[in-house]
């Protein structure tokens, strides 16, 4: 038989699982943008994923920025969502230890 986790445990694991999926999605988009930029003959400097949109726009000509702008907006939104999830996970952690 399969033992299911109780509802409380499932609820606490949900933001952690969501965070993992968002990180994976953001990583794929960052790699996509790097590949797209490279195919145009440019490179985006190495940086923290949180800083990627700013690094990409500061180091590329405007005609390249236009091409990658939609993906950068999504990366920025994912980063904001990840920061919110990090706060929620930390709040859960402190509630459980209190």
N, C-alpha and C. Protein backbone atom coordinates (compact mmCIF):
# COMPACT_ATOMS: atom_id res chain seq x y z
N UNK A 1 0.83 -1.18 0.00
CA UNK A 1 0.00 0.00 0.00
C UNK A 1 0.88 1.26 0.00
N UNK A 2 0.30 2.31 -0.49
CA UNK A 2 1.00 3.59 -0.55
C UNK A 2 0.55 4.46 0.61
N UNK A 3 1.51 4.96 1.38
CA UNK A 3 1.21 5.88 2.48
C UNK A 3 1.26 7.30 1.96
N UNK A 4 0.16 7.99 2.04
CA UNK A 4 0.12 9.39 1.64
C UNK A 4 0.51 10.28 2.80
N UNK A 5 1.14 11.37 2.50
CA UNK A 5 1.46 12.35 3.54
C UNK A 5 0.16 13.01 3.98
N UNK A 6 0.16 13.45 5.24
CA UNK A 6 -1.05 14.14 5.71
C UNK A 6 -1.18 15.50 5.04
N UNK A 7 -2.35 16.08 5.12
CA UNK A 7 -2.66 17.33 4.44
C UNK A 7 -1.74 18.46 4.88
N UNK A 8 -1.44 18.55 6.16
CA UNK A 8 -0.57 19.60 6.68
C UNK A 8 0.82 19.52 6.04
N UNK A 9 1.35 18.33 5.92
CA UNK A 9 2.65 18.15 5.29
C UNK A 9 2.60 18.52 3.82
N UNK A 10 1.55 18.11 3.14
CA UNK A 10 1.40 18.45 1.72
C UNK A 10 1.33 19.97 1.52
N UNK A 11 0.62 20.63 2.39
CA UNK A 11 0.50 22.09 2.30
C UNK A 11 1.85 22.76 2.50
N UNK A 12 2.64 22.25 3.43
CA UNK A 12 3.96 22.84 3.68
C UNK A 12 4.94 22.55 2.54
N UNK A 13 4.78 21.43 1.86
CA UNK A 13 5.67 21.08 0.76
C UNK A 13 5.32 21.81 -0.54
N UNK A 14 4.11 22.27 -0.65
CA UNK A 14 3.64 22.89 -1.89
C UNK A 14 4.50 24.07 -2.34
N UNK A 15 4.80 25.06 -1.49
CA UNK A 15 5.63 26.18 -1.96
C UNK A 15 7.05 25.74 -2.32
N UNK A 16 7.56 24.73 -1.66
CA UNK A 16 8.91 24.24 -1.97
C UNK A 16 8.92 23.60 -3.35
N UNK A 17 7.90 22.82 -3.64
CA UNK A 17 7.80 22.21 -4.98
C UNK A 17 7.59 23.26 -6.06
N UNK A 18 6.74 24.23 -5.77
CA UNK A 18 6.51 25.31 -6.74
C UNK A 18 7.80 26.08 -7.00
N UNK A 19 8.56 26.35 -5.95
CA UNK A 19 9.82 27.06 -6.10
C UNK A 19 10.77 26.29 -7.00
N UNK A 20 10.86 25.00 -6.80
CA UNK A 20 11.76 24.18 -7.62
C UNK A 20 11.38 24.26 -9.10
N UNK A 21 10.09 24.22 -9.40
CA UNK A 21 9.64 24.32 -10.80
C UNK A 21 9.93 25.70 -11.38
N UNK A 22 9.73 26.74 -10.59
CA UNK A 22 10.02 28.09 -11.07
C UNK A 22 11.51 28.29 -11.33
N UNK A 23 12.35 27.75 -10.46
CA UNK A 23 13.80 27.84 -10.67
C UNK A 23 14.19 27.12 -11.97
N UNK A 24 13.64 25.94 -12.19
CA UNK A 24 13.94 25.19 -13.41
C UNK A 24 13.48 25.94 -14.65
N UNK A 25 12.30 26.55 -14.58
CA UNK A 25 11.78 27.32 -15.71
C UNK A 25 12.65 28.53 -15.98
N UNK A 26 13.02 29.24 -14.93
CA UNK A 26 13.88 30.42 -15.11
C UNK A 26 15.22 30.04 -15.69
N UNK A 27 15.79 28.94 -15.23
CA UNK A 27 17.07 28.48 -15.75
C UNK A 27 16.98 28.19 -17.25
N UNK A 28 15.91 27.53 -17.66
CA UNK A 28 15.73 27.23 -19.08
C UNK A 28 15.61 28.51 -19.90
N UNK A 29 14.89 29.49 -19.39
CA UNK A 29 14.74 30.76 -20.10
C UNK A 29 16.06 31.53 -20.18
N UNK A 30 16.81 31.53 -19.09
CA UNK A 30 18.12 32.20 -19.10
C UNK A 30 19.02 31.54 -20.14
N UNK A 31 19.04 30.22 -20.17
CA UNK A 31 19.86 29.51 -21.15
C UNK A 31 19.38 29.78 -22.58
N UNK A 32 18.07 29.87 -22.76
CA UNK A 32 17.51 30.19 -24.07
C UNK A 32 17.99 31.57 -24.53
N UNK A 33 17.90 32.55 -23.65
CA UNK A 33 18.33 33.91 -24.00
C UNK A 33 19.82 33.93 -24.30
N UNK A 34 20.62 33.26 -23.47
CA UNK A 34 22.07 33.20 -23.73
C UNK A 34 22.34 32.61 -25.12
N UNK A 35 21.63 31.54 -25.47
CA UNK A 35 21.82 30.91 -26.78
C UNK A 35 21.39 31.82 -27.91
N UNK A 36 20.26 32.50 -27.71
CA UNK A 36 19.76 33.41 -28.73
C UNK A 36 20.74 34.57 -28.95
N UNK A 37 21.24 35.11 -27.87
CA UNK A 37 22.19 36.22 -27.94
C UNK A 37 23.49 35.75 -28.60
N UNK A 38 23.93 34.57 -28.23
CA UNK A 38 25.17 34.03 -28.81
C UNK A 38 25.03 33.84 -30.32
N UNK A 39 23.85 33.39 -30.76
CA UNK A 39 23.65 33.19 -32.20
C UNK A 39 23.68 34.51 -32.97
N UNK A 40 23.49 35.62 -32.25
CA UNK A 40 23.55 36.94 -32.87
C UNK A 40 24.95 37.56 -32.77
N UNK A 41 25.87 36.80 -32.16
CA UNK A 41 27.25 37.25 -32.08
C UNK A 41 27.60 38.03 -30.83
N UNK A 42 26.77 37.94 -29.79
CA UNK A 42 27.02 38.65 -28.54
C UNK A 42 27.04 37.66 -27.38
N UNK A 43 27.41 38.15 -26.22
CA UNK A 43 27.39 37.35 -25.01
C UNK A 43 26.85 38.17 -23.85
N UNK A 44 26.20 37.49 -22.93
CA UNK A 44 25.77 38.12 -21.68
C UNK A 44 26.75 37.65 -20.62
N UNK A 45 27.31 38.62 -19.87
CA UNK A 45 28.31 38.27 -18.86
C UNK A 45 27.71 37.34 -17.80
N UNK A 46 28.56 36.57 -17.16
CA UNK A 46 28.12 35.68 -16.09
C UNK A 46 27.61 36.52 -14.92
N UNK A 47 26.51 36.07 -14.36
CA UNK A 47 25.93 36.79 -13.22
C UNK A 47 24.94 35.89 -12.50
N UNK A 48 24.51 36.36 -11.36
CA UNK A 48 23.47 35.69 -10.60
C UNK A 48 22.17 35.74 -11.40
N UNK A 49 21.36 34.68 -11.40
CA UNK A 49 20.11 34.70 -12.17
C UNK A 49 19.19 35.86 -11.80
N UNK A 50 19.24 36.31 -10.54
CA UNK A 50 18.41 37.44 -10.13
C UNK A 50 18.81 38.71 -10.89
N UNK A 51 20.06 38.80 -11.28
CA UNK A 51 20.58 39.99 -11.96
C UNK A 51 20.61 39.85 -13.48
N UNK A 52 20.19 38.70 -13.99
CA UNK A 52 20.32 38.41 -15.42
C UNK A 52 19.65 39.44 -16.33
N UNK A 53 18.38 39.82 -16.10
CA UNK A 53 17.76 40.80 -17.01
C UNK A 53 18.54 42.12 -17.08
N UNK A 54 19.00 42.60 -15.94
CA UNK A 54 19.76 43.86 -15.93
C UNK A 54 21.10 43.68 -16.64
N UNK A 55 21.76 42.56 -16.41
CA UNK A 55 23.05 42.31 -17.06
C UNK A 55 22.89 42.19 -18.57
N UNK A 56 21.82 41.55 -18.99
CA UNK A 56 21.59 41.36 -20.42
C UNK A 56 21.31 42.70 -21.10
N UNK A 57 20.48 43.53 -20.50
CA UNK A 57 20.14 44.80 -21.15
C UNK A 57 21.29 45.79 -21.11
N UNK A 58 22.15 45.69 -20.10
CA UNK A 58 23.25 46.66 -20.01
C UNK A 58 24.41 46.33 -20.94
N UNK A 59 24.49 45.07 -21.37
CA UNK A 59 25.66 44.68 -22.16
C UNK A 59 25.36 44.43 -23.64
N UNK A 60 24.14 44.71 -24.06
CA UNK A 60 23.76 44.41 -25.45
C UNK A 60 23.25 45.65 -26.17
N UNK A 61 23.43 45.69 -27.49
CA UNK A 61 22.86 46.81 -28.25
C UNK A 61 21.33 46.75 -28.25
N UNK A 62 20.71 47.88 -28.46
CA UNK A 62 19.25 47.97 -28.36
C UNK A 62 18.52 47.06 -29.34
N UNK A 63 19.07 46.84 -30.54
CA UNK A 63 18.38 45.96 -31.50
C UNK A 63 18.35 44.50 -31.02
N UNK A 64 19.33 44.11 -30.22
CA UNK A 64 19.33 42.76 -29.65
C UNK A 64 18.39 42.71 -28.45
N UNK A 65 18.38 43.78 -27.66
CA UNK A 65 17.48 43.85 -26.51
C UNK A 65 16.03 43.64 -26.92
N UNK A 66 15.64 44.22 -28.03
CA UNK A 66 14.26 44.12 -28.51
C UNK A 66 13.90 42.65 -28.76
N UNK A 67 14.85 41.89 -29.27
CA UNK A 67 14.60 40.48 -29.59
C UNK A 67 14.39 39.65 -28.33
N UNK A 68 15.13 39.96 -27.27
CA UNK A 68 15.07 39.14 -26.05
C UNK A 68 14.17 39.73 -24.97
N UNK A 69 13.62 40.91 -25.21
CA UNK A 69 12.82 41.59 -24.20
C UNK A 69 11.67 40.75 -23.64
N UNK A 70 10.88 40.04 -24.47
CA UNK A 70 9.78 39.24 -23.90
C UNK A 70 10.28 38.19 -22.89
N UNK A 71 11.36 37.51 -23.23
CA UNK A 71 11.90 36.50 -22.31
C UNK A 71 12.44 37.15 -21.05
N UNK A 72 13.07 38.31 -21.17
CA UNK A 72 13.60 38.99 -19.99
C UNK A 72 12.49 39.42 -19.05
N UNK A 73 11.35 39.84 -19.60
CA UNK A 73 10.21 40.20 -18.75
C UNK A 73 9.70 38.99 -17.97
N UNK A 74 9.67 37.85 -18.63
CA UNK A 74 9.22 36.63 -17.94
C UNK A 74 10.22 36.23 -16.86
N UNK A 75 11.52 36.32 -17.17
CA UNK A 75 12.56 36.00 -16.19
C UNK A 75 12.43 36.92 -14.98
N UNK A 76 12.19 38.19 -15.22
CA UNK A 76 12.02 39.15 -14.13
C UNK A 76 10.80 38.78 -13.28
N UNK A 77 9.70 38.43 -13.92
CA UNK A 77 8.51 38.01 -13.19
C UNK A 77 8.73 36.75 -12.38
N UNK A 78 9.45 35.79 -12.95
CA UNK A 78 9.76 34.55 -12.22
C UNK A 78 10.63 34.86 -11.01
N UNK A 79 11.58 35.76 -11.17
CA UNK A 79 12.45 36.14 -10.06
C UNK A 79 11.64 36.76 -8.93
N UNK A 80 10.69 37.61 -9.28
CA UNK A 80 9.83 38.22 -8.26
C UNK A 80 9.00 37.15 -7.55
N UNK A 81 8.45 36.21 -8.30
CA UNK A 81 7.68 35.12 -7.70
C UNK A 81 8.55 34.26 -6.78
N UNK A 82 9.78 34.02 -7.20
CA UNK A 82 10.70 33.23 -6.36
C UNK A 82 11.00 33.96 -5.05
N UNK A 83 11.17 35.26 -5.11
CA UNK A 83 11.42 36.02 -3.89
C UNK A 83 10.22 35.95 -2.95
N UNK A 84 9.01 36.02 -3.50
CA UNK A 84 7.81 35.88 -2.68
C UNK A 84 7.73 34.50 -2.05
N UNK A 85 8.02 33.47 -2.85
CA UNK A 85 8.00 32.11 -2.31
C UNK A 85 9.05 31.93 -1.23
N UNK A 86 10.23 32.51 -1.42
CA UNK A 86 11.28 32.42 -0.40
C UNK A 86 10.80 33.02 0.92
N UNK A 87 10.11 34.16 0.84
CA UNK A 87 9.57 34.77 2.07
C UNK A 87 8.51 33.87 2.71
N UNK A 88 7.64 33.29 1.89
CA UNK A 88 6.59 32.42 2.42
C UNK A 88 7.18 31.16 3.06
N UNK A 89 8.18 30.60 2.41
CA UNK A 89 8.82 29.39 2.96
C UNK A 89 9.51 29.71 4.28
N UNK A 90 10.19 30.86 4.34
CA UNK A 90 10.85 31.27 5.58
C UNK A 90 9.83 31.51 6.68
N UNK A 91 8.69 32.12 6.34
CA UNK A 91 7.64 32.35 7.34
C UNK A 91 7.10 31.02 7.86
N UNK A 92 6.91 30.06 6.95
CA UNK A 92 6.45 28.71 7.37
C UNK A 92 7.46 28.07 8.29
N UNK A 93 8.72 28.21 7.93
CA UNK A 93 9.79 27.59 8.72
C UNK A 93 9.81 28.16 10.14
N UNK A 94 9.71 29.48 10.25
CA UNK A 94 9.74 30.09 11.58
C UNK A 94 8.49 29.76 12.38
N UNK A 95 7.34 29.59 11.71
CA UNK A 95 6.12 29.19 12.43
C UNK A 95 6.24 27.79 12.97
N UNK A 96 6.84 26.91 12.19
CA UNK A 96 6.94 25.50 12.62
C UNK A 96 7.93 25.33 13.76
N UNK A 97 8.97 26.18 13.82
CA UNK A 97 9.96 26.05 14.87
C UNK A 97 9.57 26.81 16.12
N UNK A 98 8.57 27.69 16.03
CA UNK A 98 8.15 28.47 17.20
C UNK A 98 7.27 27.70 18.11
